[in-house]
Amino acid sequence: MLFMLKVYIDKPAHTSNKEFYSVWLKESQAALEAVKAGAIKGIWKTAGKPIVIAILDMPNHDVLDQAIHQLPIWKLGYSHVAKDIEIIPLRPYENWAEDLKTLAEG
């Protein structure tokens, strides 16, 4: 199953830049390893904003949830910096196009 993950990364005021970016560096290393393993199909950081978008390939919702909680940002106790997490299950458009044929018949 494919999912789109969008997350806003918020630096807490009491956290130094060094600490914040060190944690984000560990997170990025884990993400790039997941890309190599095929669990992440693509990952992007938006230009000018601390927003990360990824396309994840997971067998089901449970594995997705488990994988997210194994990331360094969670394991190191920094999950509070991940704000406005949005996870959208993706469906192949060609499957929807097939459904449209039936729906259009009324």
PDB file of N, CA and C in Angstrom:
ATOM      1  N   MET A   1       0.844  -1.179   0.000  1.00  0.00           N
ATOM      2  CA  MET A   1       0.000   0.000   0.000  1.00  0.00           C
ATOM      3  C   MET A   1       0.888   1.240   0.000  1.00  0.00           C
ATOM      4  N   LEU A   2       0.495   2.200  -0.799  1.00  0.00           N
ATOM      5  CA  LEU A   2       1.232   3.454  -0.828  1.00  0.00           C
ATOM      6  C   LEU A   2       0.532   4.493   0.043  1.00  0.00           C
ATOM      7  N   PHE A   3       1.341   5.273   0.732  1.00  0.00           N
ATOM      8  CA  PHE A   3       0.858   6.346   1.590  1.00  0.00           C
ATOM      9  C   PHE A   3       1.691   7.592   1.318  1.00  0.00           C
ATOM     10  N   MET A   4       1.055   8.744   1.359  1.00  0.00           N
ATOM     11  CA  MET A   4       1.792   9.993   1.328  1.00  0.00           C
ATOM     12  C   MET A   4       1.871  10.501   2.764  1.00  0.00           C
ATOM     13  N   LEU A   5       3.060  10.785   3.197  1.00  0.00           N
ATOM     14  CA  LEU A   5       3.304  11.333   4.532  1.00  0.00           C
ATOM     15  C   LEU A   5       3.762  12.780   4.364  1.00  0.00           C
ATOM     16  N   LYS A   6       3.100  13.671   5.073  1.00  0.00           N
ATOM     17  CA  LYS A   6       3.502  15.082   5.085  1.00  0.00           C
ATOM     18  C   LYS A   6       3.618  15.487   6.545  1.00  0.00           C
ATOM     19  N   VAL A   7       4.764  16.045   6.897  1.00  0.00           N
ATOM     20  CA  VAL A   7       4.973  16.433   8.292  1.00  0.00           C
ATOM     21  C   VAL A   7       5.709  17.771   8.358  1.00  0.00           C
ATOM     22  N   TYR A   8       5.210  18.634   9.236  1.00  0.00           N
ATOM     23  CA  TYR A   8       5.845  19.921   9.516  1.00  0.00           C
ATOM     24  C   TYR A   8       6.772  19.713  10.708  1.00  0.00           C
ATOM     25  N   ILE A   9       8.029  20.067  10.544  1.00  0.00           N
ATOM     26  CA  ILE A   9       9.013  19.912  11.618  1.00  0.00           C
ATOM     27  C   ILE A   9       9.154  21.261  12.325  1.00  0.00           C
ATOM     28  N   ASP A  10       8.839  21.289  13.612  1.00  0.00           N
ATOM     29  CA  ASP A  10       8.814  22.520  14.391  1.00  0.00           C
ATOM     30  C   ASP A  10       9.928  22.506  15.434  1.00  0.00           C
ATOM     31  N   LYS A  11      10.837  23.457  15.342  1.00  0.00           N
ATOM     32  CA  LYS A  11      11.933  23.556  16.313  1.00  0.00           C
ATOM     33  C   LYS A  11      11.433  24.230  17.585  1.00  0.00           C
ATOM     34  N   PRO A  12      11.457  23.501  18.703  1.00  0.00           N
ATOM     35  CA  PRO A  12      11.046  24.113  19.973  1.00  0.00           C
ATOM     36  C   PRO A  12      11.984  25.263  20.361  1.00  0.00           C
ATOM     37  N   ALA A  13      11.441  26.286  20.949  1.00  0.00           N
ATOM     38  CA  ALA A  13      12.216  27.478  21.315  1.00  0.00           C
ATOM     39  C   ALA A  13      13.361  27.146  22.279  1.00  0.00           C
ATOM     40  N   HIS A  14      13.165  26.174  23.158  1.00  0.00           N
ATOM     41  CA  HIS A  14      14.186  25.852  24.161  1.00  0.00           C
ATOM     42  C   HIS A  14      15.269  24.905  23.635  1.00  0.00           C
ATOM     43  N   THR A  15      15.177  24.497  22.369  1.00  0.00           N
ATOM     44  CA  THR A  15      16.138  23.551  21.790  1.00  0.00           C
ATOM     45  C   THR A  15      17.168  24.317  20.968  1.00  0.00           C
ATOM     46  N   SER A  16      18.440  24.010  21.191  1.00  0.00           N
ATOM     47  CA  SER A  16      19.498  24.677  20.422  1.00  0.00           C
ATOM     48  C   SER A  16      19.466  24.185  18.970  1.00  0.00           C
ATOM     49  N   ASN A  17      20.022  25.009  18.087  1.00  0.00           N
ATOM     50  CA  ASN A  17      20.116  24.599  16.684  1.00  0.00           C
ATOM     51  C   ASN A  17      20.910  23.305  16.554  1.00  0.00           C
ATOM     52  N   LYS A  18      22.001  23.206  17.306  1.00  0.00           N
ATOM     53  CA  LYS A  18      22.852  22.018  17.229  1.00  0.00           C
ATOM     54  C   LYS A  18      22.056  20.761  17.595  1.00  0.00           C
ATOM     55  N   GLU A  19      21.320  20.816  18.696  1.00  0.00           N
ATOM     56  CA  GLU A  19      20.522  19.664  19.133  1.00  0.00           C
ATOM     57  C   GLU A  19      19.430  19.343  18.109  1.00  0.00           C
ATOM     58  N   PHE A  20      18.711  20.363  17.668  1.00  0.00           N
ATOM     59  CA  PHE A  20      17.611  20.178  16.721  1.00  0.00           C
ATOM     60  C   PHE A  20      18.099  19.564  15.414  1.00  0.00           C
ATOM     61  N   TYR A  21      19.142  20.137  14.838  1.00  0.00           N
ATOM     62  CA  TYR A  21      19.626  19.635  13.556  1.00  0.00           C
ATOM     63  C   TYR A  21      20.344  18.291  13.688  1.00  0.00           C
ATOM     64  N   SER A  22      20.903  18.008  14.841  1.00  0.00           N
ATOM     65  CA  SER A  22      21.513  16.681  15.069  1.00  0.00           C
ATOM     66  C   SER A  22      20.451  15.589  15.039  1.00  0.00           C
ATOM     67  N   VAL A  23      19.313  15.856  15.663  1.00  0.00           N
ATOM     68  CA  VAL A  23      18.213  14.887  15.651  1.00  0.00           C
ATOM     69  C   VAL A  23      17.665  14.743  14.228  1.00  0.00           C
ATOM     70  N   TRP A  24      17.496  15.860  13.529  1.00  0.00           N
ATOM     71  CA  TRP A  24      16.986  15.812  12.160  1.00  0.00           C
ATOM     72  C   TRP A  24      17.966  15.073  11.254  1.00  0.00           C
ATOM     73  N   LEU A  25      19.279  15.225  11.505  1.00  0.00           N
ATOM     74  CA  LEU A  25      20.286  14.493  10.738  1.00  0.00           C
ATOM     75  C   LEU A  25      20.125  12.983  10.929  1.00  0.00           C
ATOM     76  N   LYS A  26      19.926  12.543  12.167  1.00  0.00           N
ATOM     77  CA  LYS A  26      19.709  11.113  12.429  1.00  0.00           C
ATOM     78  C   LYS A  26      18.450  10.623  11.721  1.00  0.00           C
ATOM     79  N   GLU A  27      17.416  11.446  11.742  1.00  0.00           N
ATOM     80  CA  GLU A  27      16.159  11.110  11.068  1.00  0.00           C
ATOM     81  C   GLU A  27      16.379  10.989   9.563  1.00  0.00           C
ATOM     82  N   SER A  28      17.159  11.906   9.002  1.00  0.00           N
ATOM     83  CA  SER A  28      17.413  11.874   7.553  1.00  0.00           C
ATOM     84  C   SER A  28      18.210  10.632   7.165  1.00  0.00           C
ATOM     85  N   GLN A  29      19.139  10.231   7.998  1.00  0.00           N
ATOM     86  CA  GLN A  29      19.921   9.023   7.708  1.00  0.00           C
ATOM     87  C   GLN A  29      19.030   7.781   7.711  1.00  0.00           C
ATOM     88  N   ALA A  30      18.109   7.704   8.667  1.00  0.00           N
ATOM     89  CA  ALA A  30      17.167   6.580   8.714  1.00  0.00           C
ATOM     90  C   ALA A  30      16.249   6.600   7.492  1.00  0.00           C
ATOM     91  N   ALA A  31      15.808   7.795   7.101  1.00  0.00           N
ATOM     92  CA  ALA A  31      14.924   7.919   5.934  1.00  0.00           C
ATOM     93  C   ALA A  31      15.634   7.471   4.662  1.00  0.00           C
ATOM     94  N   LEU A  32      16.883   7.874   4.501  1.00  0.00           N
ATOM     95  CA  LEU A  32      17.618   7.481   3.293  1.00  0.00           C
ATOM     96  C   LEU A  32      17.897   5.979   3.268  1.00  0.00           C
ATOM     97  N   GLU A  33      18.082   5.380   4.428  1.00  0.00           N
ATOM     98  CA  GLU A  33      18.212   3.920   4.489  1.00  0.00           C
ATOM     99  C   GLU A  33      16.909   3.244   4.073  1.00  0.00           C
ATOM    100  N   ALA A  34      15.776   3.828   4.483  1.00  0.00           N
ATOM    101  CA  ALA A  34      14.470   3.290   4.097  1.00  0.00           C
ATOM    102  C   ALA A  34      14.248   3.428   2.594  1.00  0.00           C
ATOM    103  N   VAL A  35      14.796   4.481   1.994  1.00  0.00           N
ATOM    104  CA  VAL A  35      14.732   4.631   0.534  1.00  0.00           C
ATOM    105  C   VAL A  35      15.501   3.490  -0.121  1.00  0.00           C
ATOM    106  N   LYS A  36      16.705   3.228   0.372  1.00  0.00           N
ATOM    107  CA  LYS A  36      17.518   2.130  -0.177  1.00  0.00           C
ATOM    108  C   LYS A  36      16.812   0.785  -0.031  1.00  0.00           C
ATOM    109  N   ALA A  37      16.094   0.602   1.068  1.00  0.00           N
ATOM    110  CA  ALA A  37      15.399  -0.663   1.333  1.00  0.00           C
ATOM    111  C   ALA A  37      14.084  -0.771   0.554  1.00  0.00           C
ATOM    112  N   GLY A  38      13.629   0.333  -0.029  1.00  0.00           N
ATOM    113  CA  GLY A  38      12.400   0.311  -0.816  1.00  0.00           C
ATOM    114  C   GLY A  38      11.134   0.653  -0.056  1.00  0.00           C
ATOM    115  N   ALA A  39      11.246   0.923   1.244  1.00  0.00           N
ATOM    116  CA  ALA A  39      10.061   1.266   2.042  1.00  0.00           C
ATOM    117  C   ALA A  39       9.596   2.693   1.760  1.00  0.00           C
ATOM    118  N   ILE A  40      10.528   3.547   1.368  1.00  0.00           N
ATOM    119  CA  ILE A  40      10.193   4.909   0.966  1.00  0.00           C
ATOM    120  C   ILE A  40      10.483   5.017  -0.522  1.00  0.00           C
ATOM    121  N   LYS A  41       9.465   5.375  -1.287  1.00  0.00           N
ATOM    122  CA  LYS A  41       9.599   5.483  -2.745  1.00  0.00           C
ATOM    123  C   LYS A  41      10.193   6.822  -3.163  1.00  0.00           C
ATOM    124  N   GLY A  42      10.014   7.818  -2.352  1.00  0.00           N
ATOM    125  CA  GLY A  42      10.571   9.139  -2.615  1.00  0.00           C
ATOM    126  C   GLY A  42      10.379   9.998  -1.397  1.00  0.00           C
ATOM    127  N   ILE A  43      11.307  10.921  -1.182  1.00  0.00           N
ATOM    128  CA  ILE A  43      11.201  11.815  -0.028  1.00  0.00           C
ATOM    129  C   ILE A  43      11.745  13.180  -0.427  1.00  0.00           C
ATOM    130  N   TRP A  44      11.045  14.221   0.028  1.00  0.00           N
ATOM    131  CA  TRP A  44      11.392  15.584  -0.325  1.00  0.00           C
ATOM    132  C   TRP A  44      11.260  16.484   0.887  1.00  0.00           C
ATOM    133  N   LYS A  45      12.073  17.534   0.921  1.00  0.00           N
ATOM    134  CA  LYS A  45      11.893  18.632   1.870  1.00  0.00           C
ATOM    135  C   LYS A  45      11.464  19.820   1.028  1.00  0.00           C
ATOM    136  N   THR A  46      10.412  20.490   1.439  1.00  0.00           N
ATOM    137  CA  THR A  46       9.963  21.641   0.666  1.00  0.00           C
ATOM    138  C   THR A  46      10.982  22.771   0.792  1.00  0.00           C
ATOM    139  N   ALA A  47      11.160  23.491  -0.277  1.00  0.00           N
ATOM    140  CA  ALA A  47      12.107  24.599  -0.278  1.00  0.00           C
ATOM    141  C   ALA A  47      11.577  25.736   0.593  1.00  0.00           C
ATOM    142  N   GLY A  48      12.402  26.194   1.502  1.00  0.00           N
ATOM    143  CA  GLY A  48      12.047  27.344   2.323  1.00  0.00           C
ATOM    144  C   GLY A  48      11.138  27.066   3.496  1.00  0.00           C
ATOM    145  N   LYS A  49      10.713  25.825   3.670  1.00  0.00           N
ATOM    146  CA  LYS A  49       9.832  25.483   4.790  1.00  0.00           C
ATOM    147  C   LYS A  49      10.303  24.167   5.411  1.00  0.00           C
ATOM    148  N   PRO A  50      10.109  24.004   6.725  1.00  0.00           N
ATOM    149  CA  PRO A  50      10.517  22.755   7.377  1.00  0.00           C
ATOM    150  C   PRO A  50       9.435  21.674   7.235  1.00  0.00           C
ATOM    151  N   ILE A  51       9.100  21.363   5.998  1.00  0.00           N
ATOM    152  CA  ILE A  51       8.081  20.366   5.709  1.00  0.00           C
ATOM    153  C   ILE A  51       8.712  19.243   4.904  1.00  0.00           C
ATOM    154  N   VAL A  52       8.455  18.019   5.337  1.00  0.00           N
ATOM    155  CA  VAL A  52       8.959  16.838   4.647  1.00  0.00           C
ATOM    156  C   VAL A  52       7.766  16.070   4.090  1.00  0.00           C
ATOM    157  N   ILE A  53       7.904  15.640   2.849  1.00  0.00           N
ATOM    158  CA  ILE A  53       6.872  14.844   2.184  1.00  0.00           C
ATOM    159  C   ILE A  53       7.525  13.571   1.682  1.00  0.00           C
ATOM    160  N   ALA A  54       6.868  12.438   1.934  1.00  0.00           N
ATOM    161  CA  ALA A  54       7.411  11.150   1.490  1.00  0.00           C
ATOM    162  C   ALA A  54       6.290  10.274   0.960  1.00  0.00           C
ATOM    163  N   ILE A  55       6.643   9.418   0.038  1.00  0.00           N
ATOM    164  CA  ILE A  55       5.741   8.379  -0.434  1.00  0.00           C
ATOM    165  C   ILE A  55       6.275   7.067   0.137  1.00  0.00           C
ATOM    166  N   LEU A  56       5.454   6.433   0.964  1.00  0.00           N
ATOM    167  CA  LEU A  56       5.840   5.211   1.671  1.00  0.00           C
ATOM    168  C   LEU A  56       5.143   4.006   1.056  1.00  0.00           C
ATOM    169  N   ASP A  57       5.845   2.894   1.006  1.00  0.00           N
ATOM    170  CA  ASP A  57       5.272   1.644   0.520  1.00  0.00           C
ATOM    171  C   ASP A  57       5.287   0.648   1.679  1.00  0.00           C
ATOM    172  N   MET A  58       4.122   0.442   2.276  1.00  0.00           N
ATOM    173  CA  MET A  58       3.982  -0.433   3.442  1.00  0.00           C
ATOM    174  C   MET A  58       2.918  -1.487   3.161  1.00  0.00           C
ATOM    175  N   PRO A  59       3.068  -2.689   3.729  1.00  0.00           N
ATOM    176  CA  PRO A  59       2.080  -3.733   3.482  1.00  0.00           C
ATOM    177  C   PRO A  59       0.692  -3.420   4.035  1.00  0.00           C
ATOM    178  N   ASN A  60       0.642  -2.649   5.132  1.00  0.00           N
ATOM    179  CA  ASN A  60      -0.660  -2.315   5.725  1.00  0.00           C
ATOM    180  C   ASN A  60      -0.486  -1.159   6.718  1.00  0.00           C
ATOM    181  N   HIS A  61      -1.600  -0.741   7.295  1.00  0.00           N
ATOM    182  CA  HIS A  61      -1.594   0.392   8.224  1.00  0.00           C
ATOM    183  C   HIS A  61      -0.799   0.095   9.493  1.00  0.00           C
ATOM    184  N   ASP A  62      -0.863  -1.141   9.970  1.00  0.00           N
ATOM    185  CA  ASP A  62      -0.151  -1.496  11.194  1.00  0.00           C
ATOM    186  C   ASP A  62       1.353  -1.358  11.015  1.00  0.00           C
ATOM    187  N   VAL A  63       1.878  -1.851   9.893  1.00  0.00           N
ATOM    188  CA  VAL A  63       3.317  -1.763   9.625  1.00  0.00           C
ATOM    189  C   VAL A  63       3.741  -0.305   9.472  1.00  0.00           C
ATOM    190  N   LEU A  64       2.894   0.495   8.861  1.00  0.00           N
ATOM    191  CA  LEU A  64       3.178   1.929   8.741  1.00  0.00           C
ATOM    192  C   LEU A  64       3.313   2.563  10.117  1.00  0.00           C
ATOM    193  N   ASP A  65       2.359   2.304  10.982  1.00  0.00           N
ATOM    194  CA  ASP A  65       2.393   2.864  12.332  1.00  0.00           C
ATOM    195  C   ASP A  65       3.627   2.394  13.094  1.00  0.00           C
ATOM    196  N   GLN A  66       3.949   1.118  12.994  1.00  0.00           N
ATOM    197  CA  GLN A  66       5.133   0.573  13.668  1.00  0.00           C
ATOM    198  C   GLN A  66       6.415   1.194  13.134  1.00  0.00           C
ATOM    199  N   ALA A  67       6.492   1.368  11.815  1.00  0.00           N
ATOM    200  CA  ALA A  67       7.690   1.949  11.205  1.00  0.00           C
ATOM    201  C   ALA A  67       7.900   3.392  11.662  1.00  0.00           C
ATOM    202  N   ILE A  68       6.837   4.156  11.716  1.00  0.00           N
ATOM    203  CA  ILE A  68       6.948   5.552  12.149  1.00  0.00           C
ATOM    204  C   ILE A  68       7.480   5.640  13.572  1.00  0.00           C
ATOM    205  N   HIS A  69       7.024   4.756  14.441  1.00  0.00           N
ATOM    206  CA  HIS A  69       7.455   4.802  15.839  1.00  0.00           C
ATOM    207  C   HIS A  69       8.850   4.228  16.066  1.00  0.00           C
ATOM    208  N   GLN A  70       9.453   3.671  15.026  1.00  0.00           N
ATOM    209  CA  GLN A  70      10.836   3.202  15.122  1.00  0.00           C
ATOM    210  C   GLN A  70      11.840   4.243  14.618  1.00  0.00           C
ATOM    211  N   LEU A  71      11.337   5.341  14.080  1.00  0.00           N
ATOM    212  CA  LEU A  71      12.232   6.374  13.567  1.00  0.00           C
ATOM    213  C   LEU A  71      12.953   7.086  14.711  1.00  0.00           C
ATOM    214  N   PRO A  72      14.175   7.578  14.455  1.00  0.00           N
ATOM    215  CA  PRO A  72      14.945   8.244  15.517  1.00  0.00           C
ATOM    216  C   PRO A  72      14.200   9.378  16.207  1.00  0.00           C
ATOM    217  N   ILE A  73      13.422  10.147  15.464  1.00  0.00           N
ATOM    218  CA  ILE A  73      12.726  11.279  16.076  1.00  0.00           C
ATOM    219  C   ILE A  73      11.799  10.814  17.203  1.00  0.00           C
ATOM    220  N   TRP A  74      11.230   9.610  17.084  1.00  0.00           N
ATOM    221  CA  TRP A  74      10.378   9.056  18.130  1.00  0.00           C
ATOM    222  C   TRP A  74      11.225   8.372  19.199  1.00  0.00           C
ATOM    223  N   LYS A  75      12.165   7.560  18.765  1.00  0.00           N
ATOM    224  CA  LYS A  75      12.966   6.791  19.720  1.00  0.00           C
ATOM    225  C   LYS A  75      13.811   7.678  20.630  1.00  0.00           C
ATOM    226  N   LEU A  76      14.218   8.842  20.128  1.00  0.00           N
ATOM    227  CA  LEU A  76      15.033   9.753  20.923  1.00  0.00           C
ATOM    228  C   LEU A  76      14.203  10.739  21.745  1.00  0.00           C
ATOM    229  N   GLY A  77      12.868  10.620  21.663  1.00  0.00           N
ATOM    230  CA  GLY A  77      12.000  11.471  22.466  1.00  0.00           C
ATOM    231  C   GLY A  77      11.718  12.839  21.870  1.00  0.00           C
ATOM    232  N   TYR A  78      11.819  12.957  20.563  1.00  0.00           N
ATOM    233  CA  TYR A  78      11.585  14.239  19.905  1.00  0.00           C
ATOM    234  C   TYR A  78      10.337  14.229  19.023  1.00  0.00           C
ATOM    235  N   SER A  79       9.407  13.337  19.268  1.00  0.00           N
ATOM    236  CA  SER A  79       8.217  13.267  18.421  1.00  0.00           C
ATOM    237  C   SER A  79       7.415  14.569  18.467  1.00  0.00           C
ATOM    238  N   HIS A  80       7.597  15.348  19.526  1.00  0.00           N
ATOM    239  CA  HIS A  80       6.869  16.621  19.645  1.00  0.00           C
ATOM    240  C   HIS A  80       7.272  17.644  18.587  1.00  0.00           C
ATOM    241  N   VAL A  81       8.398  17.439  17.900  1.00  0.00           N
ATOM    242  CA  VAL A  81       8.793  18.383  16.854  1.00  0.00           C
ATOM    243  C   VAL A  81       8.084  18.087  15.532  1.00  0.00           C
ATOM    244  N   ALA A  82       7.499  16.896  15.422  1.00  0.00           N
ATOM    245  CA  ALA A  82       6.748  16.528  14.220  1.00  0.00           C
ATOM    246  C   ALA A  82       5.305  16.997  14.399  1.00  0.00           C
ATOM    247  N   LYS A  83       4.965  18.089  13.760  1.00  0.00           N
ATOM    248  CA  LYS A  83       3.638  18.701  13.904  1.00  0.00           C
ATOM    249  C   LYS A  83       2.829  18.477  12.631  1.00  0.00           C
ATOM    250  N   ASP A  84       1.538  18.545  12.792  1.00  0.00           N
ATOM    251  CA  ASP A  84       0.637  18.476  11.635  1.00  0.00           C
ATOM    252  C   ASP A  84       0.967  17.293  10.722  1.00  0.00           C
ATOM    253  N   ILE A  85       1.089  16.112  11.302  1.00  0.00           N
ATOM    254  CA  ILE A  85       1.367  14.920  10.512  1.00  0.00           C
ATOM    255  C   ILE A  85       0.116  14.553   9.719  1.00  0.00           C
ATOM    256  N   GLU A  86       0.315  14.388   8.435  1.00  0.00           N
ATOM    257  CA  GLU A  86      -0.789  14.003   7.568  1.00  0.00           C
ATOM    258  C   GLU A  86      -0.367  12.747   6.810  1.00  0.00           C
ATOM    259  N   ILE A  87      -1.185  11.704   6.930  1.00  0.00           N
ATOM    260  CA  ILE A  87      -0.923  10.455   6.216  1.00  0.00           C
ATOM    261  C   ILE A  87      -2.132  10.182   5.332  1.00  0.00           C
ATOM    262  N   ILE A  88      -1.870  10.069   4.048  1.00  0.00           N
ATOM    263  CA  ILE A  88      -2.949   9.869   3.080  1.00  0.00           C
ATOM    264  C   ILE A  88      -2.719   8.556   2.352  1.00  0.00           C
ATOM    265  N   PRO A  89      -3.655   7.589   2.480  1.00  0.00           N
ATOM    266  CA  PRO A  89      -3.523   6.354   1.706  1.00  0.00           C
ATOM    267  C   PRO A  89      -3.750   6.671   0.226  1.00  0.00           C
ATOM    268  N   LEU A  90      -2.905   6.122  -0.615  1.00  0.00           N
ATOM    269  CA  LEU A  90      -2.979   6.386  -2.051  1.00  0.00           C
ATOM    270  C   LEU A  90      -3.512   5.167  -2.792  1.00  0.00           C
ATOM    271  N   ARG A  91      -4.355   5.438  -3.743  1.00  0.00           N
ATOM    272  CA  ARG A  91      -4.966   4.386  -4.550  1.00  0.00           C
ATOM    273  C   ARG A  91      -4.561   4.601  -6.001  1.00  0.00           C
ATOM    274  N   PRO A  92      -4.160   3.551  -6.711  1.00  0.00           N
ATOM    275  CA  PRO A  92      -3.811   3.729  -8.119  1.00  0.00           C
ATOM    276  C   PRO A  92      -4.981   4.343  -8.901  1.00  0.00           C
ATOM    277  N   TYR A  93      -4.687   5.359  -9.666  1.00  0.00           N
ATOM    278  CA  TYR A  93      -5.742   6.069 -10.386  1.00  0.00           C
ATOM    279  C   TYR A  93      -6.418   5.169 -11.410  1.00  0.00           C
ATOM    280  N   GLU A  94      -5.674   4.239 -11.982  1.00  0.00           N
ATOM    281  CA  GLU A  94      -6.295   3.339 -12.961  1.00  0.00           C
ATOM    282  C   GLU A  94      -7.393   2.480 -12.327  1.00  0.00           C
ATOM    283  N   ASN A  95      -7.260   2.148 -11.047  1.00  0.00           N
ATOM    284  CA  ASN A  95      -8.320   1.416 -10.349  1.00  0.00           C
ATOM    285  C   ASN A  95      -9.568   2.292 -10.200  1.00  0.00           C
ATOM    286  N   TRP A  96      -9.345   3.552  -9.872  1.00  0.00           N
ATOM    287  CA  TRP A  96     -10.457   4.487  -9.761  1.00  0.00           C
ATOM    288  C   TRP A  96     -11.124   4.677 -11.125  1.00  0.00           C
ATOM    289  N   ALA A  97     -10.340   4.743 -12.166  1.00  0.00           N
ATOM    290  CA  ALA A  97     -10.890   4.911 -13.512  1.00  0.00           C
ATOM    291  C   ALA A  97     -11.803   3.746 -13.880  1.00  0.00           C
ATOM    292  N   GLU A  98     -11.451   2.542 -13.434  1.00  0.00           N
ATOM    293  CA  GLU A  98     -12.323   1.387 -13.657  1.00  0.00           C
ATOM    294  C   GLU A  98     -13.630   1.537 -12.904  1.00  0.00           C
ATOM    295  N   ASP A  99     -13.563   2.007 -11.661  1.00  0.00           N
ATOM    296  CA  ASP A  99     -14.777   2.233 -10.872  1.00  0.00           C
ATOM    297  C   ASP A  99     -15.662   3.306 -11.522  1.00  0.00           C
ATOM    298  N   LEU A 100     -15.045   4.273 -12.132  1.00  0.00           N
ATOM    299  CA  LEU A 100     -15.791   5.351 -12.784  1.00  0.00           C
ATOM    300  C   LEU A 100     -16.692   4.821 -13.906  1.00  0.00           C
ATOM    301  N   LYS A 101     -16.258   3.786 -14.571  1.00  0.00           N
ATOM    302  CA  LYS A 101     -17.071   3.214 -15.639  1.00  0.00           C
ATOM    303  C   LYS A 101     -18.419   2.753 -15.083  1.00  0.00           C
ATOM    304  N   THR A 102     -18.402   2.083 -13.925  1.00  0.00           N
ATOM    305  CA  THR A 102     -19.644   1.620 -13.289  1.00  0.00           C
ATOM    306  C   THR A 102     -20.429   2.808 -12.747  1.00  0.00           C
ATOM    307  N   LEU A 103     -19.751   3.722 -12.098  1.00  0.00           N
ATOM    308  CA  LEU A 103     -20.432   4.878 -11.519  1.00  0.00           C
ATOM    309  C   LEU A 103     -21.087   5.738 -12.609  1.00  0.00           C
ATOM    310  N   ALA A 104     -20.447   5.856 -13.753  1.00  0.00           N
ATOM    311  CA  ALA A 104     -20.988   6.684 -14.827  1.00  0.00           C
ATOM    312  C   ALA A 104     -22.223   6.073 -15.468  1.00  0.00           C
ATOM    313  N   GLU A 105     -22.401   4.764 -15.299  1.00  0.00           N
ATOM    314  CA  GLU A 105     -23.582   4.093 -15.853  1.00  0.00           C
ATOM    315  C   GLU A 105     -24.820   4.413 -15.040  1.00  0.00           C
ATOM    316  N   GLY A 106     -24.612   4.890 -13.820  1.00  0.00           N
ATOM    317  CA  GLY A 106     -25.720   5.310 -12.975  1.00  0.00           C
ATOM    318  C   GLY A 106     -26.371   4.196 -12.280  1.00  0.00           C
TER     319      GLY A 106
END
